[in-house]
């Protein structure tokens, strides 16, 4: 245990990044459904944001995996900025190829769609568009929220450092219910279990955030690992147990039928068209079509047209994501407690 405690004190760093907090707030605005503690805030901001700015937030959200790809950019720039504007200016002078790589993430290795082709032709134009968007959003909407929550975020840094100094192992295991340390390794429990030995890791960075819950977001590129510390603060909605994410409800409702489950299993092995599914199940084509529409609306299947026929297959990544979404929903009550004022 002594060796592990020494490792924690040597390799763990805790950083408050206002720019990272801005990025995670954009992720929440772009897709607020699972961020129950920030749902009311996101809905209010969306009402205030003009259409042109909202369209830009959606555009860069679609390009950047819901704004999450930019979090890698934050680490690449090694930011420990005091002000959001510092990071935006660093982004504005980033080389074109690096900007594109961070914006598109893994999609840079796939065939570019129409929007991505436009980006690749004019990267400087879109980089300036992005920086102008970040300035506008920060100055008009985010700055007042940052001012309100910054004391709690900075306080959390000092408290966690103090806890690590007193009992490193216990402090680290209190960060997130699906982030655990033992004597040999660090484990992240998501759709898959990620295991890293201490020998693989040079730095483990903890970022406090009031927006990131319930995600267990990690940078899985050793030797640098990232984990988030959810920071609640007074008046923040913490245990809204009467709220369930709309998209999670949609998926669970679609799965709550014997026939649809059987169809999903069948289409997970091979694509089928409506006519083929009707023959294999003995159900009318109209009945099959009704079930397929429900599954497609829940994004549990995808279709590809071949001539007059559309062949459907199960969206297996969406089923994998369901395990994560359920974990995140049940995590929420345990991700921090309100502090008394």
C-alpha atoms as a PDB file:
ATOM      1  CA  UNK A   1       0.000   0.000   0.000  1.00  0.00           C
ATOM      2  CA  UNK A   2       2.859   2.391   0.792  1.00  0.00           C
ATOM      3  CA  UNK A   3       4.263   1.973  -2.748  1.00  0.00           C
ATOM      4  CA  UNK A   4       0.830   2.688  -4.256  1.00  0.00           C
ATOM      5  CA  UNK A   5       0.377   5.781  -2.114  1.00  0.00           C
ATOM      6  CA  UNK A   6       3.783   7.036  -3.226  1.00  0.00           C
ATOM      7  CA  UNK A   7       2.880   6.364  -6.870  1.00  0.00           C
ATOM      8  CA  UNK A   8      -0.328   8.386  -6.514  1.00  0.00           C
ATOM      9  CA  UNK A   9       1.462  11.347  -4.972  1.00  0.00           C
ATOM     10  CA  UNK A  10       4.089  11.290  -7.721  1.00  0.00           C
ATOM     11  CA  UNK A  11       1.966  10.694 -10.830  1.00  0.00           C
ATOM     12  CA  UNK A  12      -1.437  12.245 -10.126  1.00  0.00           C
ATOM     13  CA  UNK A  13      -2.112  15.879 -10.974  1.00  0.00           C
ATOM     14  CA  UNK A  14      -5.311  17.847 -10.398  1.00  0.00           C
ATOM     15  CA  UNK A  15      -6.014  20.727 -12.756  1.00  0.00           C
ATOM     16  CA  UNK A  16      -8.835  23.232 -12.987  1.00  0.00           C
ATOM     17  CA  UNK A  17      -9.273  24.297 -16.618  1.00  0.00           C
ATOM     18  CA  UNK A  18     -11.915  26.952 -17.420  1.00  0.00           C
ATOM     19  CA  UNK A  19     -11.510  26.240 -21.147  1.00  0.00           C
ATOM     20  CA  UNK A  20     -12.198  22.530 -20.594  1.00  0.00           C
ATOM     21  CA  UNK A  21     -15.249  23.503 -18.574  1.00  0.00           C
ATOM     22  CA  UNK A  22     -16.440  25.635 -21.490  1.00  0.00           C
ATOM     23  CA  UNK A  23     -16.002  22.696 -23.865  1.00  0.00           C
ATOM     24  CA  UNK A  24     -17.928  20.315 -21.611  1.00  0.00           C
ATOM     25  CA  UNK A  25     -20.703  22.903 -21.291  1.00  0.00           C
ATOM     26  CA  UNK A  26     -21.000  22.936 -25.093  1.00  0.00           C
ATOM     27  CA  UNK A  27     -21.209  19.139 -25.048  1.00  0.00           C
ATOM     28  CA  UNK A  28     -24.097  19.407 -22.568  1.00  0.00           C
ATOM     29  CA  UNK A  29     -25.924  22.046 -24.629  1.00  0.00           C
ATOM     30  CA  UNK A  30     -25.440  19.982 -27.784  1.00  0.00           C
ATOM     31  CA  UNK A  31     -26.909  16.837 -26.186  1.00  0.00           C
ATOM     32  CA  UNK A  32     -28.328  17.556 -22.710  1.00  0.00           C
ATOM     33  CA  UNK A  33     -30.484  14.437 -22.232  1.00  0.00           C
ATOM     34  CA  UNK A  34     -28.121  12.490 -19.942  1.00  0.00           C
ATOM     35  CA  UNK A  35     -26.831  15.463 -17.969  1.00  0.00           C
ATOM     36  CA  UNK A  36     -29.689  15.620 -15.505  1.00  0.00           C
ATOM     37  CA  UNK A  37     -27.917  17.956 -13.078  1.00  0.00           C
ATOM     38  CA  UNK A  38     -27.422  20.443 -15.903  1.00  0.00           C
ATOM     39  CA  UNK A  39     -30.639  19.864 -17.849  1.00  0.00           C
ATOM     40  CA  UNK A  40     -32.463  22.997 -16.674  1.00  0.00           C
ATOM     41  CA  UNK A  41     -29.391  25.164 -17.294  1.00  0.00           C
ATOM     42  CA  UNK A  42     -28.930  23.749 -20.813  1.00  0.00           C
ATOM     43  CA  UNK A  43     -32.584  24.255 -21.729  1.00  0.00           C
ATOM     44  CA  UNK A  44     -32.491  27.864 -20.512  1.00  0.00           C
ATOM     45  CA  UNK A  45     -29.305  28.656 -22.450  1.00  0.00           C
ATOM     46  CA  UNK A  46     -30.723  27.079 -25.613  1.00  0.00           C
ATOM     47  CA  UNK A  47     -33.709  29.439 -25.331  1.00  0.00           C
ATOM     48  CA  UNK A  48     -31.392  32.449 -25.097  1.00  0.00           C
ATOM     49  CA  UNK A  49     -28.986  31.494 -27.909  1.00  0.00           C
ATOM     50  CA  UNK A  50     -29.902  33.010 -31.315  1.00  0.00           C
ATOM     51  CA  UNK A  51     -30.473  30.652 -34.236  1.00  0.00           C
ATOM     52  CA  UNK A  52     -27.224  31.510 -36.018  1.00  0.00           C
ATOM     53  CA  UNK A  53     -25.091  30.728 -32.966  1.00  0.00           C
ATOM     54  CA  UNK A  54     -27.056  27.557 -32.252  1.00  0.00           C
ATOM     55  CA  UNK A  55     -26.515  26.357 -35.835  1.00  0.00           C
ATOM     56  CA  UNK A  56     -22.749  26.844 -35.389  1.00  0.00           C
ATOM     57  CA  UNK A  57     -22.785  24.926 -32.092  1.00  0.00           C
ATOM     58  CA  UNK A  58     -24.596  22.077 -33.843  1.00  0.00           C
ATOM     59  CA  UNK A  59     -22.226  22.166 -36.813  1.00  0.00           C
ATOM     60  CA  UNK A  60     -19.051  21.857 -34.759  1.00  0.00           C
ATOM     61  CA  UNK A  61     -20.785  19.394 -32.433  1.00  0.00           C
ATOM     62  CA  UNK A  62     -21.500  17.106 -35.376  1.00  0.00           C
ATOM     63  CA  UNK A  63     -17.944  17.409 -36.642  1.00  0.00           C
ATOM     64  CA  UNK A  64     -16.313  16.828 -33.258  1.00  0.00           C
ATOM     65  CA  UNK A  65     -18.254  13.945 -31.719  1.00  0.00           C
ATOM     66  CA  UNK A  66     -20.461  16.191 -29.643  1.00  0.00           C
ATOM     67  CA  UNK A  67     -17.549  18.542 -28.785  1.00  0.00           C
ATOM     68  CA  UNK A  68     -15.698  15.713 -27.039  1.00  0.00           C
ATOM     69  CA  UNK A  69     -12.818  15.553 -29.543  1.00  0.00           C
ATOM     70  CA  UNK A  70     -11.728  19.028 -28.447  1.00  0.00           C
ATOM     71  CA  UNK A  71     -10.924  17.729 -24.981  1.00  0.00           C
ATOM     72  CA  UNK A  72      -7.898  15.972 -26.466  1.00  0.00           C
ATOM     73  CA  UNK A  73      -6.830  19.318 -27.898  1.00  0.00           C
ATOM     74  CA  UNK A  74      -6.851  20.787 -24.402  1.00  0.00           C
ATOM     75  CA  UNK A  75      -4.371  18.140 -23.247  1.00  0.00           C
ATOM     76  CA  UNK A  76      -2.187  18.516 -26.342  1.00  0.00           C
ATOM     77  CA  UNK A  77      -1.781  22.232 -25.682  1.00  0.00           C
ATOM     78  CA  UNK A  78      -0.849  21.433 -22.057  1.00  0.00           C
ATOM     79  CA  UNK A  79      -3.190  24.137 -20.884  1.00  0.00           C
ATOM     80  CA  UNK A  80      -3.270  25.270 -17.297  1.00  0.00           C
ATOM     81  CA  UNK A  81      -4.822  28.552 -18.305  1.00  0.00           C
ATOM     82  CA  UNK A  82      -6.300  31.110 -15.966  1.00  0.00           C
ATOM     83  CA  UNK A  83      -8.660  32.516 -18.596  1.00  0.00           C
ATOM     84  CA  UNK A  84     -10.696  30.966 -21.405  1.00  0.00           C
ATOM     85  CA  UNK A  85      -9.370  33.546 -23.863  1.00  0.00           C
ATOM     86  CA  UNK A  86      -5.811  32.198 -23.495  1.00  0.00           C
ATOM     87  CA  UNK A  87      -6.854  28.813 -24.821  1.00  0.00           C
ATOM     88  CA  UNK A  88      -8.898  30.247 -27.684  1.00  0.00           C
ATOM     89  CA  UNK A  89      -5.879  32.210 -28.897  1.00  0.00           C
ATOM     90  CA  UNK A  90      -3.738  29.066 -28.732  1.00  0.00           C
ATOM     91  CA  UNK A  91      -6.360  27.311 -30.833  1.00  0.00           C
ATOM     92  CA  UNK A  92      -6.366  30.133 -33.396  1.00  0.00           C
ATOM     93  CA  UNK A  93      -2.671  29.625 -34.208  1.00  0.00           C
ATOM     94  CA  UNK A  94      -2.757  25.822 -34.176  1.00  0.00           C
ATOM     95  CA  UNK A  95      -1.332  24.296 -37.407  1.00  0.00           C
ATOM     96  CA  UNK A  96      -4.007  23.287 -39.903  1.00  0.00           C
ATOM     97  CA  UNK A  97      -3.301  19.552 -39.831  1.00  0.00           C
ATOM     98  CA  UNK A  98      -3.442  19.445 -36.034  1.00  0.00           C
ATOM     99  CA  UNK A  99      -6.666  21.445 -35.945  1.00  0.00           C
ATOM    100  CA  UNK A 100      -8.316  19.022 -38.392  1.00  0.00           C
ATOM    101  CA  UNK A 101      -7.021  16.002 -36.479  1.00  0.00           C
ATOM    102  CA  UNK A 102      -8.420  17.225 -33.166  1.00  0.00           C
ATOM    103  CA  UNK A 103     -11.706  18.346 -34.677  1.00  0.00           C
ATOM    104  CA  UNK A 104     -12.474  15.092 -36.494  1.00  0.00           C
ATOM    105  CA  UNK A 105     -10.767  12.649 -34.120  1.00  0.00           C
ATOM    106  CA  UNK A 106     -10.994   9.053 -35.348  1.00  0.00           C
ATOM    107  CA  UNK A 107     -13.199  10.115 -38.253  1.00  0.00           C
ATOM    108  CA  UNK A 108     -10.159  11.625 -39.964  1.00  0.00           C
ATOM    109  CA  UNK A 109      -9.293   8.082 -41.098  1.00  0.00           C
ATOM    110  CA  UNK A 110     -12.730   7.461 -42.685  1.00  0.00           C
ATOM    111  CA  UNK A 111     -14.264   8.675 -45.936  1.00  0.00           C
ATOM    112  CA  UNK A 112     -15.157  12.345 -45.547  1.00  0.00           C
ATOM    113  CA  UNK A 113     -18.803  13.381 -45.791  1.00  0.00           C
ATOM    114  CA  UNK A 114     -19.907  16.595 -47.526  1.00  0.00           C
ATOM    115  CA  UNK A 115     -19.349  18.832 -44.477  1.00  0.00           C
ATOM    116  CA  UNK A 116     -15.974  17.273 -43.710  1.00  0.00           C
ATOM    117  CA  UNK A 117     -14.891  17.834 -47.309  1.00  0.00           C
ATOM    118  CA  UNK A 118     -15.679  21.539 -46.940  1.00  0.00           C
ATOM    119  CA  UNK A 119     -13.627  21.620 -43.748  1.00  0.00           C
ATOM    120  CA  UNK A 120     -10.652  19.924 -45.406  1.00  0.00           C
ATOM    121  CA  UNK A 121     -10.706  22.479 -48.234  1.00  0.00           C
ATOM    122  CA  UNK A 122     -10.834  25.546 -45.956  1.00  0.00           C
ATOM    123  CA  UNK A 123      -9.448  24.616 -42.519  1.00  0.00           C
ATOM    124  CA  UNK A 124      -8.343  28.176 -41.667  1.00  0.00           C
ATOM    125  CA  UNK A 125     -11.807  29.528 -42.395  1.00  0.00           C
ATOM    126  CA  UNK A 126     -13.485  26.988 -40.120  1.00  0.00           C
ATOM    127  CA  UNK A 127     -10.866  27.421 -37.406  1.00  0.00           C
ATOM    128  CA  UNK A 128     -11.578  31.161 -37.326  1.00  0.00           C
ATOM    129  CA  UNK A 129     -15.305  30.433 -37.347  1.00  0.00           C
ATOM    130  CA  UNK A 130     -14.825  28.156 -34.362  1.00  0.00           C
ATOM    131  CA  UNK A 131     -12.723  30.659 -32.410  1.00  0.00           C
ATOM    132  CA  UNK A 132     -15.265  33.435 -33.069  1.00  0.00           C
ATOM    133  CA  UNK A 133     -18.013  31.085 -31.884  1.00  0.00           C
ATOM    134  CA  UNK A 134     -16.120  30.272 -28.681  1.00  0.00           C
ATOM    135  CA  UNK A 135     -15.514  33.955 -27.941  1.00  0.00           C
ATOM    136  CA  UNK A 136     -19.158  34.854 -28.552  1.00  0.00           C
ATOM    137  CA  UNK A 137     -20.503  31.962 -26.505  1.00  0.00           C
ATOM    138  CA  UNK A 138     -18.090  32.594 -23.652  1.00  0.00           C
ATOM    139  CA  UNK A 139     -18.570  36.343 -23.372  1.00  0.00           C
ATOM    140  CA  UNK A 140     -22.338  36.352 -23.851  1.00  0.00           C
ATOM    141  CA  UNK A 141     -23.459  33.160 -22.096  1.00  0.00           C
ATOM    142  CA  UNK A 142     -20.794  31.078 -20.391  1.00  0.00           C
ATOM    143  CA  UNK A 143     -18.789  33.718 -18.499  1.00  0.00           C
ATOM    144  CA  UNK A 144     -21.561  34.407 -15.995  1.00  0.00           C
ATOM    145  CA  UNK A 145     -21.926  30.708 -15.243  1.00  0.00           C
ATOM    146  CA  UNK A 146     -18.174  30.294 -14.906  1.00  0.00           C
ATOM    147  CA  UNK A 147     -18.113  33.210 -12.464  1.00  0.00           C
ATOM    148  CA  UNK A 148     -20.802  31.489 -10.394  1.00  0.00           C
ATOM    149  CA  UNK A 149     -19.212  28.044 -10.235  1.00  0.00           C
ATOM    150  CA  UNK A 150     -15.480  28.803 -10.375  1.00  0.00           C
ATOM    151  CA  UNK A 151     -15.066  29.085  -6.568  1.00  0.00           C
ATOM    152  CA  UNK A 152     -16.511  25.590  -6.132  1.00  0.00           C
ATOM    153  CA  UNK A 153     -14.283  24.128  -8.826  1.00  0.00           C
ATOM    154  CA  UNK A 154     -11.124  25.669  -7.370  1.00  0.00           C
ATOM    155  CA  UNK A 155     -12.220  24.592  -3.886  1.00  0.00           C
ATOM    156  CA  UNK A 156     -12.567  20.998  -5.135  1.00  0.00           C
ATOM    157  CA  UNK A 157      -8.938  21.035  -6.358  1.00  0.00           C
ATOM    158  CA  UNK A 158      -7.625  22.032  -2.957  1.00  0.00           C
ATOM    159  CA  UNK A 159      -9.888  19.566  -1.146  1.00  0.00           C
ATOM    160  CA  UNK A 160      -8.850  16.637  -3.325  1.00  0.00           C
ATOM    161  CA  UNK A 161      -5.166  17.511  -2.986  1.00  0.00           C
ATOM    162  CA  UNK A 162      -5.622  17.606   0.784  1.00  0.00           C
ATOM    163  CA  UNK A 163      -7.445  14.256   0.754  1.00  0.00           C
ATOM    164  CA  UNK A 164      -4.698  12.666  -1.376  1.00  0.00           C
ATOM    165  CA  UNK A 165      -2.059  13.970   0.988  1.00  0.00           C
ATOM    166  CA  UNK A 166      -3.899  12.383   3.937  1.00  0.00           C
ATOM    167  CA  UNK A 167      -4.939   9.069   2.314  1.00  0.00           C
ATOM    168  CA  UNK A 168      -4.062   8.750  -1.401  1.00  0.00           C
ATOM    169  CA  UNK A 169      -5.672   5.362  -2.029  1.00  0.00           C
ATOM    170  CA  UNK A 170      -8.979   6.227  -0.358  1.00  0.00           C
ATOM    171  CA  UNK A 171      -9.151   9.643  -2.010  1.00  0.00           C
ATOM    172  CA  UNK A 172      -8.616   8.254  -5.514  1.00  0.00           C
ATOM    173  CA  UNK A 173     -11.254   5.554  -5.074  1.00  0.00           C
ATOM    174  CA  UNK A 174     -13.824   8.172  -4.090  1.00  0.00           C
ATOM    175  CA  UNK A 175     -13.649  10.038  -7.413  1.00  0.00           C
ATOM    176  CA  UNK A 176     -16.169   7.982  -9.419  1.00  0.00           C
ATOM    177  CA  UNK A 177     -18.087   4.742  -8.729  1.00  0.00           C
ATOM    178  CA  UNK A 178     -16.738   3.166 -11.932  1.00  0.00           C
ATOM    179  CA  UNK A 179     -13.114   4.262 -11.496  1.00  0.00           C
ATOM    180  CA  UNK A 180     -11.170   1.996  -9.142  1.00  0.00           C
ATOM    181  CA  UNK A 181      -7.587   1.449  -8.057  1.00  0.00           C
ATOM    182  CA  UNK A 182      -6.143  -1.729  -6.581  1.00  0.00           C
ATOM    183  CA  UNK A 183      -2.600  -2.782  -5.764  1.00  0.00           C
ATOM    184  CA  UNK A 184      -1.750  -3.716  -9.357  1.00  0.00           C
ATOM    185  CA  UNK A 185      -3.834  -1.590 -11.714  1.00  0.00           C
ATOM    186  CA  UNK A 186      -6.348   1.148 -12.455  1.00  0.00           C
ATOM    187  CA  UNK A 187      -9.731   0.090 -13.852  1.00  0.00           C
ATOM    188  CA  UNK A 188     -12.415   2.014 -15.716  1.00  0.00           C
ATOM    189  CA  UNK A 189     -15.782   0.260 -15.979  1.00  0.00           C
ATOM    190  CA  UNK A 190     -17.573   1.411 -19.120  1.00  0.00           C
ATOM    191  CA  UNK A 191     -19.142  -0.728 -21.875  1.00  0.00           C
ATOM    192  CA  UNK A 192     -15.817  -2.540 -21.673  1.00  0.00           C
ATOM    193  CA  UNK A 193     -13.473  -2.706 -18.704  1.00  0.00           C
ATOM    194  CA  UNK A 194     -10.242  -0.809 -19.276  1.00  0.00           C
ATOM    195  CA  UNK A 195      -7.281  -1.921 -17.183  1.00  0.00           C
ATOM    196  CA  UNK A 196      -3.928  -0.150 -16.918  1.00  0.00           C
ATOM    197  CA  UNK A 197      -0.957  -1.160 -14.842  1.00  0.00           C
ATOM    198  CA  UNK A 198       0.889   1.553 -12.972  1.00  0.00           C
ATOM    199  CA  UNK A 199       4.015   0.878 -15.023  1.00  0.00           C
ATOM    200  CA  UNK A 200       2.131   2.005 -18.158  1.00  0.00           C
ATOM    201  CA  UNK A 201       1.132   5.401 -16.778  1.00  0.00           C
ATOM    202  CA  UNK A 202       3.267   8.514 -16.522  1.00  0.00           C
ATOM    203  CA  UNK A 203       0.535  10.945 -15.517  1.00  0.00           C
ATOM    204  CA  UNK A 204      -3.030  10.546 -14.300  1.00  0.00           C
ATOM    205  CA  UNK A 205      -4.801  13.891 -14.602  1.00  0.00           C
ATOM    206  CA  UNK A 206      -7.999  14.711 -12.733  1.00  0.00           C
ATOM    207  CA  UNK A 207     -10.165  17.542 -14.020  1.00  0.00           C
ATOM    208  CA  UNK A 208     -12.955  18.876 -11.785  1.00  0.00           C
ATOM    209  CA  UNK A 209     -16.137  19.725 -13.677  1.00  0.00           C
ATOM    210  CA  UNK A 210     -19.661  20.796 -12.870  1.00  0.00           C
ATOM    211  CA  UNK A 211     -20.892  19.721 -16.302  1.00  0.00           C
ATOM    212  CA  UNK A 212     -19.425  16.305 -17.052  1.00  0.00           C
ATOM    213  CA  UNK A 213     -21.643  14.132 -14.802  1.00  0.00           C
ATOM    214  CA  UNK A 214     -22.633  11.385 -15.285  1.00  0.00           C
ATOM    215  CA  UNK A 215     -19.922  10.593 -17.845  1.00  0.00           C
ATOM    216  CA  UNK A 216     -16.796   8.748 -16.845  1.00  0.00           C
ATOM    217  CA  UNK A 217     -14.733  10.361 -19.591  1.00  0.00           C
ATOM    218  CA  UNK A 218     -11.165   9.193 -19.821  1.00  0.00           C
ATOM    219  CA  UNK A 219      -8.225   9.703 -22.112  1.00  0.00           C
ATOM    220  CA  UNK A 220      -7.203   6.132 -22.797  1.00  0.00           C
ATOM    221  CA  UNK A 221      -3.960   6.841 -24.597  1.00  0.00           C
ATOM    222  CA  UNK A 222      -1.197   5.682 -22.264  1.00  0.00           C
ATOM    223  CA  UNK A 223       1.055   6.944 -20.806  1.00  0.00           C
ATOM    224  CA  UNK A 224      -1.418   9.790 -20.061  1.00  0.00           C
ATOM    225  CA  UNK A 225      -4.764   8.930 -18.450  1.00  0.00           C
ATOM    226  CA  UNK A 226      -7.604  11.342 -17.696  1.00  0.00           C
ATOM    227  CA  UNK A 227     -10.548  11.100 -15.317  1.00  0.00           C
ATOM    228  CA  UNK A 228     -13.153  13.663 -14.252  1.00  0.00           C
ATOM    229  CA  UNK A 229     -14.236  14.685 -10.785  1.00  0.00           C
ATOM    230  CA  UNK A 230     -17.881  15.737 -10.649  1.00  0.00           C
ATOM    231  CA  UNK A 231     -18.245  18.911  -8.571  1.00  0.00           C
ATOM    232  CA  UNK A 232     -21.723  19.639  -7.201  1.00  0.00           C
ATOM    233  CA  UNK A 233     -22.504  22.967  -5.622  1.00  0.00           C
ATOM    234  CA  UNK A 234     -25.444  24.543  -3.741  1.00  0.00           C
ATOM    235  CA  UNK A 235     -28.643  24.981  -5.757  1.00  0.00           C
ATOM    236  CA  UNK A 236     -27.477  22.488  -8.378  1.00  0.00           C
ATOM    237  CA  UNK A 237     -30.082  19.815  -9.069  1.00  0.00           C
ATOM    238  CA  UNK A 238     -28.466  16.595  -7.880  1.00  0.00           C
ATOM    239  CA  UNK A 239     -30.967  13.812  -7.356  1.00  0.00           C
ATOM    240  CA  UNK A 240     -33.707  14.331  -9.874  1.00  0.00           C
ATOM    241  CA  UNK A 241     -34.872  10.760  -9.678  1.00  0.00           C
ATOM    242  CA  UNK A 242     -38.130  11.668 -11.427  1.00  0.00           C
ATOM    243  CA  UNK A 243     -36.238  12.513 -14.630  1.00  0.00           C
ATOM    244  CA  UNK A 244     -35.086   9.853 -17.070  1.00  0.00           C
ATOM    245  CA  UNK A 245     -33.168  10.701 -20.275  1.00  0.00           C
ATOM    246  CA  UNK A 246     -35.590  10.758 -23.204  1.00  0.00           C
ATOM    247  CA  UNK A 247     -33.343   8.746 -25.524  1.00  0.00           C
ATOM    248  CA  UNK A 248     -32.803   6.091 -22.844  1.00  0.00           C
ATOM    249  CA  UNK A 249     -36.573   5.760 -22.411  1.00  0.00           C
ATOM    250  CA  UNK A 250     -36.956   5.421 -26.177  1.00  0.00           C
ATOM    251  CA  UNK A 251     -34.425   2.585 -26.344  1.00  0.00           C
ATOM    252  CA  UNK A 252     -35.876   0.731 -23.362  1.00  0.00           C
ATOM    253  CA  UNK A 253     -39.416   1.067 -24.758  1.00  0.00           C
ATOM    254  CA  UNK A 254     -38.255  -0.300 -28.119  1.00  0.00           C
ATOM    255  CA  UNK A 255     -36.594  -3.255 -26.413  1.00  0.00           C
ATOM    256  CA  UNK A 256     -39.649  -4.016 -24.263  1.00  0.00           C
ATOM    257  CA  UNK A 257     -41.310  -6.247 -26.837  1.00  0.00           C
ATOM    258  CA  UNK A 258     -40.649  -9.940 -27.534  1.00  0.00           C
ATOM    259  CA  UNK A 259     -40.973  -9.619 -31.319  1.00  0.00           C
ATOM    260  CA  UNK A 260     -38.644  -6.647 -31.552  1.00  0.00           C
ATOM    261  CA  UNK A 261     -36.023  -8.414 -29.455  1.00  0.00           C
ATOM    262  CA  UNK A 262     -36.231 -11.444 -31.746  1.00  0.00           C
ATOM    263  CA  UNK A 263     -35.897  -9.200 -34.808  1.00  0.00           C
ATOM    264  CA  UNK A 264     -32.872  -7.456 -33.310  1.00  0.00           C
ATOM    265  CA  UNK A 265     -31.202 -10.788 -32.642  1.00  0.00           C
ATOM    266  CA  UNK A 266     -31.906 -11.975 -36.166  1.00  0.00           C
ATOM    267  CA  UNK A 267     -30.611  -8.747 -37.745  1.00  0.00           C
ATOM    268  CA  UNK A 268     -27.494  -8.813 -35.572  1.00  0.00           C
ATOM    269  CA  UNK A 269     -26.340 -11.890 -37.508  1.00  0.00           C
ATOM    270  CA  UNK A 270     -27.198 -10.688 -41.028  1.00  0.00           C
ATOM    271  CA  UNK A 271     -29.056  -7.804 -42.754  1.00  0.00           C
ATOM    272  CA  UNK A 272     -32.663  -8.556 -43.773  1.00  0.00           C
ATOM    273  CA  UNK A 273     -35.369  -6.707 -45.687  1.00  0.00           C
ATOM    274  CA  UNK A 274     -39.015  -6.457 -44.573  1.00  0.00           C
ATOM    275  CA  UNK A 275     -40.148  -9.222 -46.905  1.00  0.00           C
ATOM    276  CA  UNK A 276     -37.527 -11.657 -45.583  1.00  0.00           C
ATOM    277  CA  UNK A 277     -38.351 -10.861 -41.958  1.00  0.00           C
ATOM    278  CA  UNK A 278     -42.041 -11.391 -42.701  1.00  0.00           C
ATOM    279  CA  UNK A 279     -41.317 -14.831 -44.141  1.00  0.00           C
ATOM    280  CA  UNK A 280     -39.025 -15.884 -41.283  1.00  0.00           C
ATOM    281  CA  UNK A 281     -41.399 -14.769 -38.510  1.00  0.00           C
ATOM    282  CA  UNK A 282     -44.765 -15.492 -40.113  1.00  0.00           C
ATOM    283  CA  UNK A 283     -45.905 -11.938 -39.380  1.00  0.00           C
ATOM    284  CA  UNK A 284     -47.508  -9.591 -41.912  1.00  0.00           C
ATOM    285  CA  UNK A 285     -45.225  -7.127 -43.678  1.00  0.00           C
ATOM    286  CA  UNK A 286     -47.231  -4.258 -42.199  1.00  0.00           C
ATOM    287  CA  UNK A 287     -46.571  -5.581 -38.682  1.00  0.00           C
ATOM    288  CA  UNK A 288     -42.859  -5.989 -39.393  1.00  0.00           C
ATOM    289  CA  UNK A 289     -42.688  -2.453 -40.812  1.00  0.00           C
ATOM    290  CA  UNK A 290     -44.301  -1.083 -37.649  1.00  0.00           C
ATOM    291  CA  UNK A 291     -41.708  -2.830 -35.456  1.00  0.00           C
ATOM    292  CA  UNK A 292     -38.845  -1.675 -37.691  1.00  0.00           C
ATOM    293  CA  UNK A 293     -39.976   1.953 -37.489  1.00  0.00           C
ATOM    294  CA  UNK A 294     -39.895   1.789 -33.691  1.00  0.00           C
ATOM    295  CA  UNK A 295     -36.429   0.210 -33.713  1.00  0.00           C
ATOM    296  CA  UNK A 296     -35.153   2.711 -36.271  1.00  0.00           C
ATOM    297  CA  UNK A 297     -36.508   5.685 -34.292  1.00  0.00           C
ATOM    298  CA  UNK A 298     -34.588   4.413 -31.258  1.00  0.00           C
ATOM    299  CA  UNK A 299     -31.468   4.115 -33.457  1.00  0.00           C
ATOM    300  CA  UNK A 300     -31.289   0.383 -32.736  1.00  0.00           C
ATOM    301  CA  UNK A 301     -31.157  -0.555 -36.413  1.00  0.00           C
ATOM    302  CA  UNK A 302     -29.752   0.983 -39.581  1.00  0.00           C
ATOM    303  CA  UNK A 303     -31.019   0.547 -43.131  1.00  0.00           C
ATOM    304  CA  UNK A 304     -29.280   0.410 -46.486  1.00  0.00           C
ATOM    305  CA  UNK A 305     -31.206   0.541 -49.761  1.00  0.00           C
ATOM    306  CA  UNK A 306     -30.461  -1.924 -52.573  1.00  0.00           C
ATOM    307  CA  UNK A 307     -32.796  -1.323 -55.510  1.00  0.00           C
ATOM    308  CA  UNK A 308     -36.403  -1.514 -54.251  1.00  0.00           C
ATOM    309  CA  UNK A 309     -35.394  -3.180 -50.968  1.00  0.00           C
ATOM    310  CA  UNK A 310     -34.065  -1.718 -47.741  1.00  0.00           C
ATOM    311  CA  UNK A 311     -31.922  -4.112 -45.741  1.00  0.00           C
ATOM    312  CA  UNK A 312     -31.828  -3.560 -41.989  1.00  0.00           C
ATOM    313  CA  UNK A 313     -29.188  -4.592 -39.496  1.00  0.00           C
ATOM    314  CA  UNK A 314     -28.829  -4.202 -35.745  1.00  0.00           C
ATOM    315  CA  UNK A 315     -26.858  -1.201 -34.534  1.00  0.00           C
ATOM    316  CA  UNK A 316     -24.567  -3.125 -32.199  1.00  0.00           C
ATOM    317  CA  UNK A 317     -22.617  -0.054 -30.978  1.00  0.00           C
ATOM    318  CA  UNK A 318     -25.931   1.423 -29.801  1.00  0.00           C
ATOM    319  CA  UNK A 319     -26.635  -1.725 -27.794  1.00  0.00           C
ATOM    320  CA  UNK A 320     -23.161  -1.495 -26.261  1.00  0.00           C
ATOM    321  CA  UNK A 321     -23.838   2.153 -25.414  1.00  0.00           C
ATOM    322  CA  UNK A 322     -27.011   1.108 -23.580  1.00  0.00           C
ATOM    323  CA  UNK A 323     -24.897  -0.502 -20.859  1.00  0.00           C
ATOM    324  CA  UNK A 324     -23.018   2.763 -20.421  1.00  0.00           C
ATOM    325  CA  UNK A 325     -26.227   4.839 -20.405  1.00  0.00           C
ATOM    326  CA  UNK A 326     -27.798   2.645 -17.744  1.00  0.00           C
ATOM    327  CA  UNK A 327     -24.659   2.828 -15.597  1.00  0.00           C
ATOM    328  CA  UNK A 328     -24.601   6.601 -15.942  1.00  0.00           C
ATOM    329  CA  UNK A 329     -28.254   6.931 -14.997  1.00  0.00           C
ATOM    330  CA  UNK A 330     -27.840   4.875 -11.833  1.00  0.00           C
ATOM    331  CA  UNK A 331     -24.526   6.603 -11.028  1.00  0.00           C
ATOM    332  CA  UNK A 332     -26.110  10.031 -10.701  1.00  0.00           C
ATOM    333  CA  UNK A 333     -27.277   9.897  -7.042  1.00  0.00           C
ATOM    334  CA  UNK A 334     -23.791   8.866  -5.912  1.00  0.00           C
ATOM    335  CA  UNK A 335     -21.863  11.495  -7.875  1.00  0.00           C
ATOM    336  CA  UNK A 336     -21.340  13.999  -5.105  1.00  0.00           C
ATOM    337  CA  UNK A 337     -23.603  15.464  -2.473  1.00  0.00           C
ATOM    338  CA  UNK A 338     -24.848  18.988  -1.950  1.00  0.00           C
ATOM    339  CA  UNK A 339     -22.846  21.086   0.413  1.00  0.00           C
ATOM    340  CA  UNK A 340     -24.592  22.961   3.186  1.00  0.00           C
ATOM    341  CA  UNK A 341     -24.464  26.722   2.959  1.00  0.00           C
END
